[in-house]
Amino acid sequence: MLEISKTRPETNIARNIGSLDDIRSLLNSLPRASEGSVIEARKRDLELTKPRGSLGRLEEIVFWLCRWQQKSVPDMDHPQVCVFAGNHGITRHDISAFPASVTALMVENFVKGGAAINQLSKELGAEITIRTLDLDHPTCDFTQEAAMSEDECVDAFRTGMEAVNPNASLMCPGEMGIGNTTSAAAICHLIWNGMPSDWVGSGTGINNEQYQRKIDVVRQAKFLHEASVTDGLDVLRCVGGREIVAMAGAIIAARLLHVPVMLDGFICGAAAAALYETSPQSLLHCMVGHGSAEPGHRLLLDRIGKRPLLDLGLRLGEGTGAVLAGLVVRAAVTCHNNMACFDDIGLAREIAH
């Protein structure tokens, strides 16, 4: 059943996070996977009425769920979508097709159930948790100064952590924030260099003049901040958005709560990239739902070593690609849990294989 939750009681999971150094320490002590659960799931998979490996990545999905849910029988009983919204000071440079006021209008649309993410989440049977992050006070223009102070960045990270339902079977992070493809491009350019144009795409459908300004904004951001960043958390503080930082917090909270994560597109990927740059082990519990039409997303996925499940030309955000992949996850779980075994139909496994 679809549930839209704008608030959730604070859990202890974020209580001790007060600085970026606290987050760094957390990233260096994340829980590991449960390989024992996977052993049991593999035993069942060998008994199912199909040739070994014939369900391809559906089998990979099942073992991934078992590994991080810490269950030998995976479930998709309570998927969750966490959508975070924030505004960006860089919109003053006219690098978006829509004004910053659209962020709040879209949040209202989420609440009323009128957005694409609502329709797809309903199909998945997912709870939607919506968190707005100080929409009336955009981040600073990161061509002039850091987007956030350390306290602001930590607060956004905690907001993301506190949004995750400890009982979720899968978490799909999503976002809304006019200007955030520029922020995502700046994150990637600061982390991985290259040319600004490698990371900049058309976003919501900008014209050529806006595209050139967007490239210039990303170039200026690197020039201003590259000497002061030491890891991905610094990058998030300098050129990120509150909603991007919140997604990073949600991804890490899910790890602590043994909840697998299905990443969305380019902007969600930028949040994940910043975590990966700080600690490469931080994304082991994540799969990628889709390959975005934003050109920088494919480069990003190569850098973090992830292969998307779907390739549908999406560039909407909101978590839509992650939720669509969640439907594939549900199909994988249904097959694994409900298929008959060879003994059930009186067939020797050796004959079938």
Protein backbone atom coordinates (compact mmCIF):
# COMPACT_ATOMS: atom_id res chain seq x y z
CA MET A 1 0.00 0.00 0.00
CA LEU A 2 1.31 3.45 -0.91
CA GLU A 3 2.22 5.56 2.07
CA ILE A 4 3.50 9.13 1.93
CA SER A 5 5.43 9.99 5.06
CA LYS A 6 6.83 13.50 5.50
CA THR A 7 8.21 12.85 8.96
CA ARG A 8 9.55 9.90 10.86
CA PRO A 9 10.57 9.70 14.52
CA GLU A 10 14.32 10.13 14.85
CA THR A 11 16.19 6.90 15.36
CA ASN A 12 19.43 6.45 17.25
CA ILE A 13 21.26 5.82 14.01
CA ALA A 14 22.19 9.48 13.46
CA ARG A 15 22.49 10.57 17.06
CA ASN A 16 26.28 10.52 17.26
CA ILE A 17 26.92 12.30 13.95
CA GLY A 18 28.06 15.85 14.66
CA SER A 19 30.84 16.51 12.15
CA LEU A 20 32.24 15.38 8.83
CA ASP A 21 34.96 13.53 10.75
CA ASP A 22 32.23 11.55 12.53
CA ILE A 23 30.89 10.55 9.11
CA ARG A 24 34.39 9.59 7.97
CA SER A 25 34.79 7.36 11.02
CA LEU A 26 31.41 5.79 10.32
CA LEU A 27 32.37 5.04 6.71
CA ASN A 28 35.45 3.18 7.94
CA SER A 29 33.43 0.88 10.22
CA LEU A 30 30.42 -0.17 8.15
CA PRO A 31 28.89 -3.63 8.68
CA ARG A 32 29.80 -6.40 6.28
CA ALA A 33 27.55 -8.68 4.28
CA SER A 34 26.11 -11.95 5.55
CA GLU A 35 27.65 -14.61 3.33
CA GLY A 36 25.99 -17.41 5.31
CA SER A 37 22.61 -16.24 4.07
CA VAL A 38 23.84 -16.41 0.48
CA ILE A 39 25.07 -19.99 0.91
CA GLU A 40 21.56 -21.12 1.83
CA ALA A 41 19.99 -19.16 -1.02
CA ARG A 42 22.41 -20.71 -3.51
CA LYS A 43 21.49 -24.19 -2.29
CA ARG A 44 17.83 -23.47 -2.99
CA ASP A 45 18.64 -21.92 -6.36
CA LEU A 46 20.29 -25.18 -7.45
CA GLU A 47 17.10 -27.09 -6.65
CA LEU A 48 14.74 -24.82 -8.61
CA THR A 49 13.16 -26.12 -11.81
CA LYS A 50 15.43 -24.28 -14.23
CA PRO A 51 18.89 -24.73 -15.70
CA ARG A 52 21.66 -23.40 -13.49
CA GLY A 53 22.23 -19.67 -14.10
CA SER A 54 19.37 -19.41 -16.57
CA LEU A 55 17.74 -16.44 -14.83
CA GLY A 56 20.89 -14.38 -15.24
CA ARG A 57 20.91 -11.19 -13.22
CA LEU A 58 17.70 -12.14 -11.45
CA GLU A 59 19.77 -14.70 -9.58
CA GLU A 60 22.40 -12.07 -8.83
CA ILE A 61 19.67 -9.84 -7.38
CA VAL A 62 18.42 -12.60 -5.09
CA PHE A 63 21.87 -13.30 -3.69
CA TRP A 64 22.50 -9.57 -3.24
CA LEU A 65 19.28 -9.18 -1.26
CA CYS A 66 20.09 -12.15 0.94
CA ARG A 67 23.59 -10.86 1.54
CA TRP A 68 22.45 -7.47 2.81
CA GLN A 69 19.05 -8.31 4.30
CA GLN A 70 20.88 -11.05 6.23
CA LYS A 71 18.17 -13.54 5.29
CA SER A 72 18.38 -16.85 3.46
CA VAL A 73 14.88 -16.15 2.08
CA PRO A 74 14.78 -12.64 0.55
CA ASP A 75 11.69 -10.47 0.74
CA MET A 76 10.20 -7.40 -0.87
CA ASP A 77 7.46 -6.90 1.69
CA HIS A 78 8.20 -3.26 2.45
CA PRO A 79 10.15 -1.30 -0.18
CA GLN A 80 10.74 2.36 0.61
CA VAL A 81 11.33 5.39 -1.60
CA CYS A 82 13.06 8.36 0.07
CA VAL A 83 12.69 11.60 -1.91
CA PHE A 84 14.72 14.61 -0.78
CA ALA A 85 14.23 18.17 -2.03
CA GLY A 86 16.61 21.13 -1.88
CA ASN A 87 17.33 24.38 -3.68
CA HIS A 88 20.60 25.61 -5.19
CA GLY A 89 22.21 29.04 -5.21
CA ILE A 90 23.78 28.40 -8.59
CA THR A 91 20.40 28.80 -10.29
CA ARG A 92 21.17 32.53 -10.30
CA HIS A 93 23.42 31.78 -13.29
CA ASP A 94 20.41 30.70 -15.41
CA ILE A 95 21.58 27.14 -15.94
CA SER A 96 18.17 25.45 -15.70
CA ALA A 97 15.08 25.32 -17.85
CA PHE A 98 12.82 26.05 -14.86
CA PRO A 99 12.98 28.53 -11.96
CA ALA A 100 13.91 27.38 -8.45
CA SER A 101 10.28 27.85 -7.35
CA VAL A 102 9.44 24.65 -9.23
CA THR A 103 11.15 22.60 -6.50
CA ALA A 104 8.45 23.45 -3.95
CA LEU A 105 5.70 22.98 -6.53
CA MET A 106 6.97 19.50 -7.32
CA VAL A 107 7.15 18.61 -3.63
CA GLU A 108 3.48 19.57 -3.39
CA ASN A 109 2.83 17.34 -6.39
CA PHE A 110 4.60 14.45 -4.62
CA VAL A 111 2.42 14.94 -1.56
CA LYS A 112 -0.75 15.00 -3.68
CA GLY A 113 0.31 11.84 -5.51
CA GLY A 114 0.53 13.42 -8.97
CA ALA A 115 4.17 12.81 -9.94
CA ALA A 116 5.72 9.96 -11.88
CA ILE A 117 7.39 8.65 -8.74
CA ASN A 118 3.97 8.30 -7.09
CA GLN A 119 2.63 6.16 -9.92
CA LEU A 120 5.67 3.90 -10.04
CA SER A 121 5.87 3.58 -6.27
CA LYS A 122 2.22 2.60 -6.15
CA GLU A 123 2.94 -0.13 -8.69
CA LEU A 124 5.80 -1.38 -6.50
CA GLY A 125 3.74 -1.07 -3.32
CA ALA A 126 6.35 1.22 -1.80
CA GLU A 127 6.16 3.67 1.04
CA ILE A 128 7.23 7.18 -0.04
CA THR A 129 9.05 9.31 2.51
CA ILE A 130 9.42 12.96 1.48
CA ARG A 131 11.89 15.29 3.16
CA THR A 132 12.33 18.95 2.25
CA LEU A 133 15.60 20.61 3.22
CA ASP A 134 15.25 24.34 3.92
CA LEU A 135 13.77 25.20 0.52
CA ASP A 136 13.48 28.88 1.45
CA HIS A 137 17.25 29.10 1.90
CA PRO A 138 19.13 27.73 -1.12
CA THR A 139 22.72 26.58 -0.82
CA CYS A 140 25.33 29.23 -1.56
CA ASP A 141 26.54 29.91 -5.09
CA PHE A 142 29.48 27.51 -5.24
CA THR A 143 31.26 29.54 -7.90
CA GLN A 144 31.86 32.11 -5.13
CA GLU A 145 32.05 30.06 -1.89
CA ALA A 146 31.32 26.63 -0.50
CA ALA A 147 27.72 25.52 -1.04
CA MET A 148 27.33 24.67 2.64
CA SER A 149 29.03 25.11 5.97
CA GLU A 150 30.11 21.92 7.70
CA ASP A 151 27.14 22.14 10.09
CA GLU A 152 24.70 22.53 7.19
CA CYS A 153 26.23 19.57 5.38
CA VAL A 154 26.10 17.38 8.50
CA ASP A 155 22.49 18.39 9.18
CA ALA A 156 21.51 17.34 5.65
CA PHE A 157 23.35 14.03 6.05
CA ARG A 158 21.50 13.37 9.32
CA THR A 159 18.18 14.19 7.67
CA GLY A 160 18.88 11.52 5.09
CA MET A 161 19.87 9.00 7.73
CA GLU A 162 16.73 9.59 9.77
CA ALA A 163 14.44 9.11 6.76
CA VAL A 164 15.22 5.41 6.28
CA ASN A 165 12.70 2.95 7.68
CA PRO A 166 14.54 0.27 9.69
CA ASN A 167 11.97 -2.26 8.44
CA ALA A 168 12.44 -1.50 4.74
CA SER A 169 13.28 -4.45 2.51
CA LEU A 170 14.76 -2.19 -0.20
CA MET A 171 15.46 1.56 -0.22
CA CYS A 172 15.33 3.69 -3.36
CA PRO A 173 16.74 7.22 -2.93
CA GLY A 174 15.37 10.03 -5.09
CA GLU A 175 15.58 13.80 -5.31
CA MET A 176 14.07 17.03 -6.52
CA GLY A 177 16.02 20.27 -6.83
CA ILE A 178 16.22 22.72 -9.71
CA GLY A 179 19.91 23.08 -10.57
CA ASN A 180 21.01 19.77 -9.15
CA THR A 181 22.37 18.28 -12.38
CA THR A 182 24.88 21.14 -12.35
CA SER A 183 25.77 20.27 -8.76
CA ALA A 184 26.14 16.59 -9.70
CA ALA A 185 28.40 17.51 -12.63
CA ALA A 186 30.55 19.68 -10.34
CA ILE A 187 30.86 16.82 -7.85
CA CYS A 188 32.07 14.46 -10.55
CA HIS A 189 34.44 17.00 -12.08
CA LEU A 190 36.03 17.71 -8.70
CA ILE A 191 36.44 14.02 -7.95
CA TRP A 192 37.53 12.69 -11.34
CA ASN A 193 38.78 15.69 -13.35
CA GLY A 194 38.46 15.42 -17.14
CA MET A 195 36.75 18.25 -19.00
CA PRO A 196 33.68 19.99 -17.53
CA SER A 197 31.80 19.00 -20.68
CA ASP A 198 32.40 15.33 -19.85
CA TRP A 199 29.99 15.68 -16.93
CA VAL A 200 27.52 18.32 -18.11
CA GLY A 201 24.31 17.31 -19.86
CA SER A 202 21.07 18.96 -20.89
CA GLY A 203 19.35 18.38 -17.54
CA THR A 204 15.69 19.38 -17.81
CA GLY A 205 16.10 20.50 -21.41
CA ILE A 206 18.22 23.67 -21.46
CA ASN A 207 19.16 25.66 -24.55
CA ASN A 208 22.71 26.00 -25.88
CA GLU A 209 23.42 29.28 -24.06
CA GLN A 210 22.36 27.74 -20.75
CA TYR A 211 24.44 24.66 -21.53
CA GLN A 212 27.55 26.78 -22.04
CA ARG A 213 26.89 28.66 -18.78
CA LYS A 214 26.47 25.34 -17.03
CA ILE A 215 29.88 24.20 -18.27
CA ASP A 216 31.39 27.47 -17.08
CA VAL A 217 29.82 27.10 -13.63
CA VAL A 218 31.32 23.61 -13.28
CA ARG A 219 34.71 24.90 -14.48
CA GLN A 220 34.64 27.77 -11.96
CA ALA A 221 33.69 25.40 -9.16
CA LYS A 222 36.71 23.22 -9.75
CA PHE A 223 39.05 26.20 -9.96
CA LEU A 224 37.74 27.60 -6.66
CA HIS A 225 37.52 24.41 -4.59
CA GLU A 226 40.00 21.83 -5.84
CA ALA A 227 42.77 22.91 -3.47
CA SER A 228 40.53 22.62 -0.40
CA VAL A 229 38.93 19.19 -0.88
CA THR A 230 40.52 16.02 0.49
CA ASP A 231 37.72 13.49 -0.03
CA GLY A 232 34.17 13.07 -1.24
CA LEU A 233 32.63 14.57 1.88
CA ASP A 234 34.53 17.80 1.30
CA VAL A 235 33.28 17.74 -2.28
CA LEU A 236 29.67 17.41 -1.09
CA ARG A 237 30.09 20.36 1.25
CA CYS A 238 31.72 22.56 -1.39
CA VAL A 239 29.54 21.90 -4.45
CA GLY A 240 26.72 19.59 -3.39
CA GLY A 241 23.11 20.28 -2.58
CA ARG A 242 21.30 19.50 0.63
CA GLU A 243 19.17 16.87 -1.15
CA ILE A 244 22.29 15.23 -2.58
CA VAL A 245 23.92 15.10 0.85
CA ALA A 246 20.69 13.69 2.29
CA MET A 247 20.73 10.88 -0.27
CA ALA A 248 24.28 10.06 0.83
CA GLY A 249 23.07 9.92 4.43
CA ALA A 250 20.18 7.65 3.49
CA ILE A 251 22.51 5.29 1.61
CA ILE A 252 24.75 4.92 4.67
CA ALA A 253 21.85 4.58 7.12
CA ALA A 254 20.50 1.76 4.96
CA ARG A 255 23.85 -0.03 5.24
CA LEU A 256 23.75 0.25 9.03
CA LEU A 257 20.17 -1.06 9.06
CA HIS A 258 20.92 -3.99 6.69
CA VAL A 259 18.70 -2.53 3.97
CA PRO A 260 19.85 -3.00 0.36
CA VAL A 261 19.85 0.16 -1.78
CA MET A 262 18.83 0.61 -5.40
CA LEU A 263 20.54 3.74 -6.73
CA ASP A 264 18.78 6.01 -9.21
CA GLY A 265 20.35 8.15 -11.94
CA PHE A 266 23.04 10.81 -12.28
CA ILE A 267 22.23 12.96 -9.27
CA CYS A 268 21.79 10.02 -6.93
CA GLY A 269 24.95 8.60 -8.50
CA ALA A 270 26.85 11.77 -7.60
CA ALA A 271 25.89 11.30 -3.95
CA ALA A 272 27.09 7.71 -4.15
CA ALA A 273 30.29 8.79 -5.93
CA ALA A 274 31.18 11.12 -3.08
CA LEU A 275 30.78 8.24 -0.63
CA TYR A 276 32.84 5.96 -2.85
CA GLU A 277 35.61 8.54 -3.10
CA THR A 278 35.70 8.71 0.71
CA SER A 279 35.43 4.95 1.26
CA PRO A 280 35.21 2.50 -1.68
CA GLN A 281 33.57 -0.10 0.59
CA SER A 282 30.60 2.17 1.27
CA LEU A 283 28.58 1.11 -1.80
CA LEU A 284 28.85 -2.68 -1.54
CA HIS A 285 25.17 -2.88 -0.52
CA CYS A 286 24.04 -0.89 -3.58
CA MET A 287 22.89 -1.83 -7.05
CA VAL A 288 22.15 0.68 -9.82
CA GLY A 289 18.63 0.77 -11.19
CA HIS A 290 19.21 2.36 -14.57
CA GLY A 291 21.64 4.15 -16.83
CA SER A 292 20.54 7.76 -17.18
CA ALA A 293 20.37 9.72 -20.44
CA GLU A 294 22.68 12.24 -18.74
CA PRO A 295 26.07 11.57 -20.38
CA GLY A 296 28.03 11.92 -17.15
CA HIS A 297 26.15 9.03 -15.55
CA ARG A 298 27.80 6.36 -17.71
CA LEU A 299 31.24 7.74 -16.87
CA LEU A 300 30.30 7.82 -13.21
CA LEU A 301 29.16 4.18 -13.24
CA ASP A 302 32.45 3.14 -14.81
CA ARG A 303 34.34 4.89 -12.02
CA ILE A 304 32.39 3.23 -9.20
CA GLY A 305 32.29 -0.16 -10.93
CA LYS A 306 28.52 -0.58 -11.17
CA ARG A 307 26.39 -1.91 -14.03
CA PRO A 308 22.78 -0.69 -14.31
CA LEU A 309 19.89 -3.13 -14.45
CA LEU A 310 17.85 -1.06 -16.93
CA ASP A 311 18.58 1.26 -19.84
CA LEU A 312 15.43 3.19 -20.69
CA GLY A 313 16.72 6.66 -21.56
CA LEU A 314 15.34 8.16 -18.34
CA ARG A 315 16.49 11.52 -16.99
CA LEU A 316 13.64 12.49 -14.68
CA GLY A 317 15.16 11.79 -11.28
CA GLU A 318 12.78 11.52 -8.31
CA GLY A 319 13.95 7.92 -7.85
CA THR A 320 11.91 6.72 -10.84
CA GLY A 321 14.60 4.52 -12.39
CA ALA A 322 15.39 2.93 -9.03
CA VAL A 323 11.72 2.10 -8.46
CA LEU A 324 11.35 0.60 -11.93
CA ALA A 325 14.33 -1.60 -11.12
CA GLY A 326 12.58 -2.43 -7.85
CA LEU A 327 9.86 -4.11 -9.92
CA VAL A 328 12.57 -6.34 -11.40
CA VAL A 329 13.78 -7.06 -7.88
CA ARG A 330 10.27 -8.10 -6.87
CA ALA A 331 10.09 -10.43 -9.87
CA ALA A 332 13.43 -12.00 -8.91
CA VAL A 333 12.25 -12.60 -5.34
CA THR A 334 8.94 -14.08 -6.51
CA CYS A 335 10.73 -16.54 -8.78
CA HIS A 336 13.23 -17.60 -6.15
CA ASN A 337 10.74 -17.99 -3.33
CA ASN A 338 7.83 -19.57 -5.21
CA MET A 339 9.25 -21.74 -7.98
CA ALA A 340 8.93 -25.48 -7.56
CA CYS A 341 11.99 -27.61 -6.88
CA PHE A 342 12.95 -30.70 -8.87
CA ASP A 343 11.80 -33.05 -6.11
CA ASP A 344 8.38 -31.37 -6.18
CA ILE A 345 7.79 -32.47 -9.77
CA GLY A 346 9.60 -35.78 -9.60
CA LEU A 347 12.51 -34.77 -11.83
CA ALA A 348 16.14 -35.53 -11.12
CA ARG A 349 18.24 -32.38 -10.95
CA GLU A 350 21.02 -33.97 -12.99
CA ILE A 351 18.65 -34.54 -15.92
CA ALA A 352 17.44 -30.92 -15.93
CA HIS A 353 20.98 -29.54 -15.88
